[in-house]
Amino acid sequence: MSALAIWDDMESPLKPVLDPRVFVEAKDAKTASEDDRQGAFVACMRRLARGCEVAANTNAAKRSHWAAAKVKREGLLTGRNDLDVKWAGRGVALIEFKDGKKMPEAEQIECLNRAVAMGFPVAIIRTPEGGFNWLRSIGAPVPEVRW
């Protein structure tokens, strides 16, 4: 395990604490990666929840130093959540995807905490089912799906 991975799991006074208003889907033992989980969720949303718009925030992309500086000038926010989900009537939800074991890093926790403090519904999601259930619970036009 790398030093950074150990840091992510440590309870440290230096690492920010996740606001309790952020919904966190329970950890699981499934082996699917974060990318696979997020991709499956987006595909399901686009196929089944047509009343919603799902958009990714591409913070994790590999970029040259020049390209990184350019996107920061354009408004890239380090630690920003993975997905924004919008629906009619000013509905907006912010989702951070994680695999079955990990939790957000310090910069992500700070961004998620700021968003929930501004009144946005925020969640850490691990499965398409968890994402659908949480969105439905906050009033998004998402169908009940038998998984």
N, C-alpha and C. Protein backbone atom coordinates (compact mmCIF):
# COMPACT_ATOMS: atom_id res chain seq x y z
N MET A 1 0.86 -1.18 0.00
CA MET A 1 0.00 0.00 0.00
C MET A 1 0.89 1.24 0.00
N SER A 2 0.57 2.20 -0.84
CA SER A 2 1.38 3.40 -0.93
C SER A 2 1.13 4.32 0.27
N ALA A 3 2.05 5.26 0.46
CA ALA A 3 1.90 6.22 1.55
C ALA A 3 0.63 7.05 1.38
N LEU A 4 0.29 7.40 0.13
CA LEU A 4 -0.93 8.18 -0.11
C LEU A 4 -2.17 7.37 0.22
N ALA A 5 -2.18 6.09 -0.11
CA ALA A 5 -3.33 5.24 0.21
C ALA A 5 -3.50 5.13 1.72
N ILE A 6 -2.39 5.01 2.44
CA ILE A 6 -2.47 4.96 3.90
C ILE A 6 -3.03 6.28 4.43
N TRP A 7 -2.57 7.40 3.89
CA TRP A 7 -3.06 8.72 4.31
C TRP A 7 -4.57 8.83 4.12
N ASP A 8 -5.09 8.32 2.99
CA ASP A 8 -6.52 8.40 2.72
C ASP A 8 -7.34 7.66 3.76
N ASP A 9 -6.80 6.57 4.30
CA ASP A 9 -7.54 5.78 5.28
C ASP A 9 -7.32 6.25 6.71
N MET A 10 -6.35 7.09 6.94
CA MET A 10 -6.02 7.53 8.30
C MET A 10 -7.04 8.53 8.82
N GLU A 11 -7.30 8.45 10.10
CA GLU A 11 -8.05 9.48 10.80
C GLU A 11 -7.00 10.46 11.29
N SER A 12 -6.94 11.62 10.72
CA SER A 12 -5.89 12.58 11.05
C SER A 12 -6.51 13.94 11.30
N PRO A 13 -5.98 14.68 12.28
CA PRO A 13 -6.49 16.03 12.50
C PRO A 13 -6.19 16.96 11.33
N LEU A 14 -5.25 16.57 10.45
CA LEU A 14 -4.92 17.39 9.30
C LEU A 14 -5.85 17.14 8.12
N LYS A 15 -6.46 15.96 8.07
CA LYS A 15 -7.37 15.63 6.97
C LYS A 15 -8.77 16.13 7.34
N PRO A 16 -9.44 16.85 6.41
CA PRO A 16 -10.77 17.35 6.73
C PRO A 16 -11.76 16.21 6.95
N VAL A 17 -12.77 16.47 7.75
CA VAL A 17 -13.80 15.48 8.06
C VAL A 17 -14.99 15.72 7.14
N LEU A 18 -15.53 14.64 6.60
CA LEU A 18 -16.67 14.73 5.70
C LEU A 18 -17.91 15.20 6.46
N ASP A 19 -18.59 16.20 5.92
CA ASP A 19 -19.83 16.72 6.52
C ASP A 19 -20.84 15.59 6.62
N PRO A 20 -21.50 15.42 7.75
CA PRO A 20 -22.46 14.32 7.90
C PRO A 20 -23.69 14.43 6.99
N ARG A 21 -23.91 15.59 6.38
CA ARG A 21 -25.03 15.73 5.45
C ARG A 21 -24.75 15.11 4.09
N VAL A 22 -23.49 14.73 3.83
CA VAL A 22 -23.14 14.05 2.58
C VAL A 22 -23.56 12.59 2.72
N PHE A 23 -24.42 12.13 1.80
CA PHE A 23 -24.83 10.73 1.80
C PHE A 23 -23.65 9.88 1.36
N VAL A 24 -23.38 8.79 2.07
CA VAL A 24 -22.29 7.88 1.70
C VAL A 24 -22.88 6.47 1.55
N GLU A 25 -22.83 5.95 0.32
CA GLU A 25 -23.26 4.58 0.09
C GLU A 25 -22.27 3.63 0.78
N ALA A 26 -22.78 2.58 1.38
CA ALA A 26 -21.94 1.63 2.12
C ALA A 26 -20.86 1.03 1.23
N LYS A 27 -19.72 0.74 1.84
CA LYS A 27 -18.63 0.06 1.12
C LYS A 27 -19.07 -1.35 0.76
N ASP A 28 -18.41 -1.92 -0.25
CA ASP A 28 -18.75 -3.28 -0.68
C ASP A 28 -17.49 -4.02 -1.11
N ALA A 29 -17.63 -5.31 -1.36
CA ALA A 29 -16.49 -6.15 -1.72
C ALA A 29 -16.40 -6.42 -3.22
N LYS A 30 -17.23 -5.76 -4.02
CA LYS A 30 -17.19 -5.97 -5.47
C LYS A 30 -15.86 -5.45 -6.02
N THR A 31 -15.36 -6.08 -7.06
CA THR A 31 -14.04 -5.74 -7.59
C THR A 31 -14.05 -4.67 -8.68
N ALA A 32 -15.21 -4.20 -9.10
CA ALA A 32 -15.28 -3.21 -10.18
C ALA A 32 -14.57 -1.92 -9.77
N SER A 33 -13.87 -1.32 -10.73
CA SER A 33 -13.14 -0.07 -10.48
C SER A 33 -14.12 1.10 -10.38
N GLU A 34 -13.60 2.21 -9.88
CA GLU A 34 -14.40 3.44 -9.82
C GLU A 34 -14.87 3.83 -11.22
N ASP A 35 -13.98 3.77 -12.20
CA ASP A 35 -14.33 4.15 -13.57
C ASP A 35 -15.43 3.25 -14.13
N ASP A 36 -15.32 1.94 -13.90
CA ASP A 36 -16.34 1.02 -14.39
C ASP A 36 -17.69 1.29 -13.73
N ARG A 37 -17.68 1.56 -12.43
CA ARG A 37 -18.91 1.83 -11.69
C ARG A 37 -19.57 3.12 -12.20
N GLN A 38 -18.75 4.15 -12.36
CA GLN A 38 -19.29 5.43 -12.85
C GLN A 38 -19.81 5.28 -14.27
N GLY A 39 -19.09 4.58 -15.13
CA GLY A 39 -19.53 4.38 -16.51
C GLY A 39 -20.85 3.63 -16.57
N ALA A 40 -21.02 2.61 -15.74
CA ALA A 40 -22.27 1.85 -15.71
C ALA A 40 -23.42 2.74 -15.24
N PHE A 41 -23.17 3.57 -14.23
CA PHE A 41 -24.20 4.49 -13.74
C PHE A 41 -24.62 5.47 -14.83
N VAL A 42 -23.66 6.08 -15.49
CA VAL A 42 -23.96 7.06 -16.54
C VAL A 42 -24.75 6.39 -17.67
N ALA A 43 -24.35 5.20 -18.08
CA ALA A 43 -25.07 4.49 -19.14
C ALA A 43 -26.51 4.21 -18.72
N CYS A 44 -26.71 3.76 -17.49
CA CYS A 44 -28.07 3.50 -17.00
C CYS A 44 -28.89 4.78 -16.93
N MET A 45 -28.30 5.85 -16.47
CA MET A 45 -29.02 7.13 -16.37
C MET A 45 -29.44 7.60 -17.76
N ARG A 46 -28.55 7.52 -18.73
CA ARG A 46 -28.88 8.01 -20.08
C ARG A 46 -29.93 7.15 -20.75
N ARG A 47 -29.97 5.88 -20.40
CA ARG A 47 -30.95 4.97 -20.99
C ARG A 47 -32.29 5.02 -20.27
N LEU A 48 -32.28 5.17 -18.94
CA LEU A 48 -33.50 4.99 -18.15
C LEU A 48 -34.04 6.27 -17.51
N ALA A 49 -33.21 7.25 -17.30
CA ALA A 49 -33.64 8.48 -16.61
C ALA A 49 -33.53 9.66 -17.56
N ARG A 50 -34.33 9.64 -18.60
CA ARG A 50 -34.21 10.66 -19.66
C ARG A 50 -34.64 12.05 -19.20
N GLY A 51 -35.29 12.14 -18.04
CA GLY A 51 -35.64 13.45 -17.50
C GLY A 51 -34.49 14.12 -16.78
N CYS A 52 -33.34 13.47 -16.75
CA CYS A 52 -32.15 13.99 -16.08
C CYS A 52 -31.02 14.19 -17.09
N GLU A 53 -30.17 15.13 -16.78
CA GLU A 53 -28.94 15.33 -17.55
C GLU A 53 -27.77 14.99 -16.63
N VAL A 54 -26.89 14.12 -17.09
CA VAL A 54 -25.71 13.73 -16.32
C VAL A 54 -24.48 14.28 -17.02
N ALA A 55 -23.64 14.99 -16.29
CA ALA A 55 -22.44 15.58 -16.88
C ALA A 55 -21.25 15.31 -15.98
N ALA A 56 -20.14 14.92 -16.59
CA ALA A 56 -18.91 14.63 -15.85
C ALA A 56 -18.07 15.89 -15.68
N ASN A 57 -17.34 15.92 -14.59
CA ASN A 57 -16.33 16.94 -14.34
C ASN A 57 -14.99 16.23 -14.46
N THR A 58 -14.25 16.52 -15.51
CA THR A 58 -13.06 15.73 -15.84
C THR A 58 -11.81 16.26 -15.14
N ASN A 59 -11.79 16.16 -13.84
CA ASN A 59 -10.63 16.61 -13.07
C ASN A 59 -9.46 15.66 -13.14
N ALA A 60 -9.71 14.37 -13.33
CA ALA A 60 -8.65 13.38 -13.25
C ALA A 60 -7.88 13.19 -14.55
N ALA A 61 -8.23 13.90 -15.59
CA ALA A 61 -7.58 13.70 -16.89
C ALA A 61 -6.09 14.01 -16.82
N LYS A 62 -5.31 13.25 -17.55
CA LYS A 62 -3.87 13.48 -17.65
C LYS A 62 -3.65 14.62 -18.65
N ARG A 63 -2.87 15.62 -18.23
CA ARG A 63 -2.63 16.78 -19.08
C ARG A 63 -1.17 17.20 -19.00
N SER A 64 -0.72 17.88 -20.06
CA SER A 64 0.61 18.49 -20.00
C SER A 64 0.54 19.68 -19.04
N HIS A 65 1.69 20.20 -18.65
CA HIS A 65 1.71 21.37 -17.76
C HIS A 65 0.96 22.55 -18.39
N TRP A 66 1.16 22.74 -19.69
CA TRP A 66 0.49 23.83 -20.40
C TRP A 66 -1.03 23.64 -20.37
N ALA A 67 -1.48 22.43 -20.68
CA ALA A 67 -2.92 22.15 -20.71
C ALA A 67 -3.52 22.26 -19.31
N ALA A 68 -2.78 21.82 -18.29
CA ALA A 68 -3.28 21.92 -16.91
C ALA A 68 -3.45 23.38 -16.50
N ALA A 69 -2.46 24.21 -16.84
CA ALA A 69 -2.56 25.64 -16.52
C ALA A 69 -3.74 26.27 -17.25
N LYS A 70 -3.96 25.88 -18.50
CA LYS A 70 -5.06 26.42 -19.29
C LYS A 70 -6.41 26.07 -18.66
N VAL A 71 -6.63 24.81 -18.29
CA VAL A 71 -7.94 24.45 -17.73
C VAL A 71 -8.15 25.06 -16.35
N LYS A 72 -7.07 25.29 -15.61
CA LYS A 72 -7.23 25.99 -14.31
C LYS A 72 -7.68 27.43 -14.55
N ARG A 73 -7.10 28.10 -15.57
CA ARG A 73 -7.54 29.47 -15.91
C ARG A 73 -8.99 29.48 -16.34
N GLU A 74 -9.43 28.39 -16.99
CA GLU A 74 -10.81 28.29 -17.48
C GLU A 74 -11.79 27.90 -16.39
N GLY A 75 -11.29 27.56 -15.19
CA GLY A 75 -12.19 27.29 -14.08
C GLY A 75 -12.14 25.91 -13.48
N LEU A 76 -11.20 25.06 -13.87
CA LEU A 76 -11.09 23.74 -13.27
C LEU A 76 -10.90 23.88 -11.76
N LEU A 77 -11.63 23.10 -11.00
CA LEU A 77 -11.54 23.13 -9.55
C LEU A 77 -11.04 21.77 -9.08
N THR A 78 -9.85 21.73 -8.52
CA THR A 78 -9.27 20.48 -8.02
C THR A 78 -10.14 19.94 -6.89
N GLY A 79 -10.46 18.65 -6.97
CA GLY A 79 -11.27 18.02 -5.94
C GLY A 79 -12.76 18.02 -6.23
N ARG A 80 -13.16 18.64 -7.33
CA ARG A 80 -14.59 18.74 -7.68
C ARG A 80 -15.20 17.36 -7.84
N ASN A 81 -16.47 17.22 -7.52
CA ASN A 81 -17.18 15.94 -7.64
C ASN A 81 -17.15 15.43 -9.08
N ASP A 82 -17.36 14.11 -9.23
CA ASP A 82 -17.27 13.47 -10.55
C ASP A 82 -18.42 13.82 -11.48
N LEU A 83 -19.64 13.85 -10.96
CA LEU A 83 -20.82 14.02 -11.81
C LEU A 83 -21.78 15.07 -11.25
N ASP A 84 -22.38 15.82 -12.15
CA ASP A 84 -23.52 16.68 -11.82
C ASP A 84 -24.74 16.06 -12.48
N VAL A 85 -25.83 15.97 -11.74
CA VAL A 85 -27.09 15.47 -12.29
C VAL A 85 -28.11 16.60 -12.15
N LYS A 86 -28.75 16.97 -13.27
CA LYS A 86 -29.74 18.06 -13.28
C LYS A 86 -31.05 17.55 -13.82
N TRP A 87 -32.14 18.17 -13.35
CA TRP A 87 -33.47 17.86 -13.86
C TRP A 87 -34.34 19.10 -13.75
N ALA A 88 -35.47 19.08 -14.45
CA ALA A 88 -36.36 20.25 -14.51
C ALA A 88 -36.79 20.68 -13.11
N GLY A 89 -37.03 21.98 -12.99
CA GLY A 89 -37.45 22.52 -11.71
C GLY A 89 -36.28 22.89 -10.82
N ARG A 90 -35.14 23.14 -11.41
CA ARG A 90 -33.93 23.54 -10.70
C ARG A 90 -33.32 22.43 -9.86
N GLY A 91 -33.60 21.19 -10.19
CA GLY A 91 -33.01 20.08 -9.47
C GLY A 91 -31.56 19.87 -9.86
N VAL A 92 -30.70 19.79 -8.87
CA VAL A 92 -29.28 19.55 -9.10
C VAL A 92 -28.77 18.67 -7.97
N ALA A 93 -28.01 17.65 -8.32
CA ALA A 93 -27.36 16.79 -7.33
C ALA A 93 -25.92 16.57 -7.75
N LEU A 94 -25.04 16.46 -6.78
CA LEU A 94 -23.61 16.28 -7.03
C LEU A 94 -23.18 14.92 -6.51
N ILE A 95 -22.49 14.16 -7.37
CA ILE A 95 -22.11 12.80 -7.03
C ILE A 95 -20.60 12.62 -7.18
N GLU A 96 -19.99 12.03 -6.17
CA GLU A 96 -18.60 11.59 -6.22
C GLU A 96 -18.63 10.07 -6.25
N PHE A 97 -18.04 9.48 -7.28
CA PHE A 97 -18.02 8.02 -7.39
C PHE A 97 -16.75 7.47 -6.74
N LYS A 98 -16.89 6.35 -6.05
CA LYS A 98 -15.76 5.64 -5.45
C LYS A 98 -15.94 4.15 -5.68
N ASP A 99 -14.85 3.42 -5.62
CA ASP A 99 -14.96 1.96 -5.71
C ASP A 99 -15.51 1.44 -4.38
N GLY A 100 -15.46 0.15 -4.19
CA GLY A 100 -16.08 -0.44 -3.01
C GLY A 100 -15.39 -0.19 -1.69
N LYS A 101 -14.16 0.34 -1.73
CA LYS A 101 -13.39 0.47 -0.50
C LYS A 101 -12.93 1.88 -0.15
N LYS A 102 -12.69 2.71 -1.15
CA LYS A 102 -12.07 4.01 -0.91
C LYS A 102 -13.06 5.08 -0.45
N MET A 103 -12.48 6.10 0.15
CA MET A 103 -13.23 7.31 0.53
C MET A 103 -12.54 8.49 -0.17
N PRO A 104 -13.19 9.65 -0.21
CA PRO A 104 -12.59 10.80 -0.90
C PRO A 104 -11.28 11.26 -0.27
N GLU A 105 -10.45 11.85 -1.11
CA GLU A 105 -9.21 12.46 -0.65
C GLU A 105 -9.52 13.81 -0.03
N ALA A 106 -8.52 14.41 0.64
CA ALA A 106 -8.71 15.67 1.38
C ALA A 106 -9.31 16.78 0.51
N GLU A 107 -8.75 17.00 -0.71
CA GLU A 107 -9.28 18.06 -1.58
C GLU A 107 -10.74 17.79 -1.97
N GLN A 108 -11.06 16.51 -2.18
CA GLN A 108 -12.44 16.14 -2.53
C GLN A 108 -13.37 16.39 -1.34
N ILE A 109 -12.94 16.04 -0.15
CA ILE A 109 -13.77 16.27 1.04
C ILE A 109 -14.06 17.75 1.19
N GLU A 110 -13.05 18.58 1.00
CA GLU A 110 -13.26 20.03 1.11
C GLU A 110 -14.29 20.52 0.09
N CYS A 111 -14.20 20.05 -1.16
CA CYS A 111 -15.17 20.45 -2.19
C CYS A 111 -16.57 19.94 -1.87
N LEU A 112 -16.68 18.68 -1.47
CA LEU A 112 -17.99 18.12 -1.14
C LEU A 112 -18.61 18.87 0.04
N ASN A 113 -17.81 19.19 1.05
CA ASN A 113 -18.31 19.93 2.21
C ASN A 113 -18.79 21.33 1.81
N ARG A 114 -18.04 22.00 0.93
CA ARG A 114 -18.47 23.34 0.47
C ARG A 114 -19.80 23.24 -0.26
N ALA A 115 -19.94 22.23 -1.12
CA ALA A 115 -21.17 22.08 -1.90
C ALA A 115 -22.38 21.81 -1.00
N VAL A 116 -22.23 20.94 -0.02
CA VAL A 116 -23.36 20.65 0.86
C VAL A 116 -23.67 21.86 1.74
N ALA A 117 -22.65 22.63 2.11
CA ALA A 117 -22.88 23.85 2.90
C ALA A 117 -23.64 24.90 2.08
N MET A 118 -23.51 24.85 0.74
CA MET A 118 -24.25 25.77 -0.13
C MET A 118 -25.66 25.28 -0.40
N GLY A 119 -26.01 24.11 0.13
CA GLY A 119 -27.37 23.62 -0.01
C GLY A 119 -27.59 22.58 -1.09
N PHE A 120 -26.53 22.13 -1.74
CA PHE A 120 -26.68 21.10 -2.77
C PHE A 120 -26.77 19.72 -2.13
N PRO A 121 -27.60 18.84 -2.67
CA PRO A 121 -27.54 17.45 -2.23
C PRO A 121 -26.27 16.81 -2.80
N VAL A 122 -25.52 16.15 -1.94
CA VAL A 122 -24.22 15.60 -2.30
C VAL A 122 -24.14 14.16 -1.82
N ALA A 123 -23.55 13.29 -2.65
CA ALA A 123 -23.43 11.89 -2.26
C ALA A 123 -22.13 11.29 -2.76
N ILE A 124 -21.66 10.30 -2.01
CA ILE A 124 -20.58 9.42 -2.45
C ILE A 124 -21.27 8.11 -2.81
N ILE A 125 -21.19 7.76 -4.09
CA ILE A 125 -21.93 6.63 -4.63
C ILE A 125 -20.93 5.57 -5.10
N ARG A 126 -21.32 4.30 -4.96
CA ARG A 126 -20.46 3.19 -5.36
C ARG A 126 -21.07 2.30 -6.43
N THR A 127 -22.40 2.32 -6.57
CA THR A 127 -23.08 1.42 -7.52
C THR A 127 -24.16 2.19 -8.27
N PRO A 128 -24.50 1.75 -9.48
CA PRO A 128 -25.63 2.37 -10.18
C PRO A 128 -26.91 2.29 -9.34
N GLU A 129 -27.16 1.16 -8.71
CA GLU A 129 -28.35 1.01 -7.87
C GLU A 129 -28.36 2.03 -6.74
N GLY A 130 -27.23 2.21 -6.09
CA GLY A 130 -27.15 3.19 -5.01
C GLY A 130 -27.41 4.60 -5.51
N GLY A 131 -26.87 4.91 -6.70
CA GLY A 131 -27.09 6.24 -7.28
C GLY A 131 -28.54 6.48 -7.62
N PHE A 132 -29.18 5.50 -8.24
CA PHE A 132 -30.60 5.63 -8.59
C PHE A 132 -31.44 5.80 -7.33
N ASN A 133 -31.19 4.97 -6.33
CA ASN A 133 -31.99 5.04 -5.10
C ASN A 133 -31.82 6.38 -4.40
N TRP A 134 -30.58 6.88 -4.32
CA TRP A 134 -30.35 8.16 -3.67
C TRP A 134 -31.01 9.30 -4.45
N LEU A 135 -30.84 9.31 -5.77
CA LEU A 135 -31.46 10.37 -6.57
C LEU A 135 -32.98 10.36 -6.42
N ARG A 136 -33.58 9.18 -6.46
CA ARG A 136 -35.03 9.09 -6.28
C ARG A 136 -35.43 9.61 -4.90
N SER A 137 -34.62 9.33 -3.87
CA SER A 137 -34.94 9.77 -2.51
C SER A 137 -34.92 11.29 -2.36
N ILE A 138 -34.20 11.99 -3.24
CA ILE A 138 -34.15 13.46 -3.15
C ILE A 138 -35.07 14.12 -4.19
N GLY A 139 -35.89 13.32 -4.88
CA GLY A 139 -36.88 13.88 -5.79
C GLY A 139 -36.52 13.93 -7.25
N ALA A 140 -35.43 13.33 -7.66
CA ALA A 140 -35.07 13.31 -9.09
C ALA A 140 -36.01 12.36 -9.83
N PRO A 141 -36.32 12.67 -11.08
CA PRO A 141 -37.21 11.80 -11.87
C PRO A 141 -36.47 10.56 -12.39
N VAL A 142 -36.14 9.67 -11.46
CA VAL A 142 -35.37 8.47 -11.76
C VAL A 142 -36.29 7.28 -11.48
N PRO A 143 -36.40 6.35 -12.44
CA PRO A 143 -37.30 5.22 -12.23
C PRO A 143 -36.75 4.23 -11.19
N GLU A 144 -37.67 3.49 -10.60
CA GLU A 144 -37.26 2.37 -9.74
C GLU A 144 -36.86 1.24 -10.67
N VAL A 145 -35.69 0.70 -10.47
CA VAL A 145 -35.14 -0.33 -11.35
C VAL A 145 -34.90 -1.59 -10.54
N ARG A 146 -35.25 -2.73 -11.11
CA ARG A 146 -34.92 -4.01 -10.48
C ARG A 146 -33.54 -4.41 -10.94
N TRP A 147 -32.60 -4.48 -10.06
CA TRP A 147 -31.20 -4.79 -10.40
C TRP A 147 -31.01 -6.24 -10.27
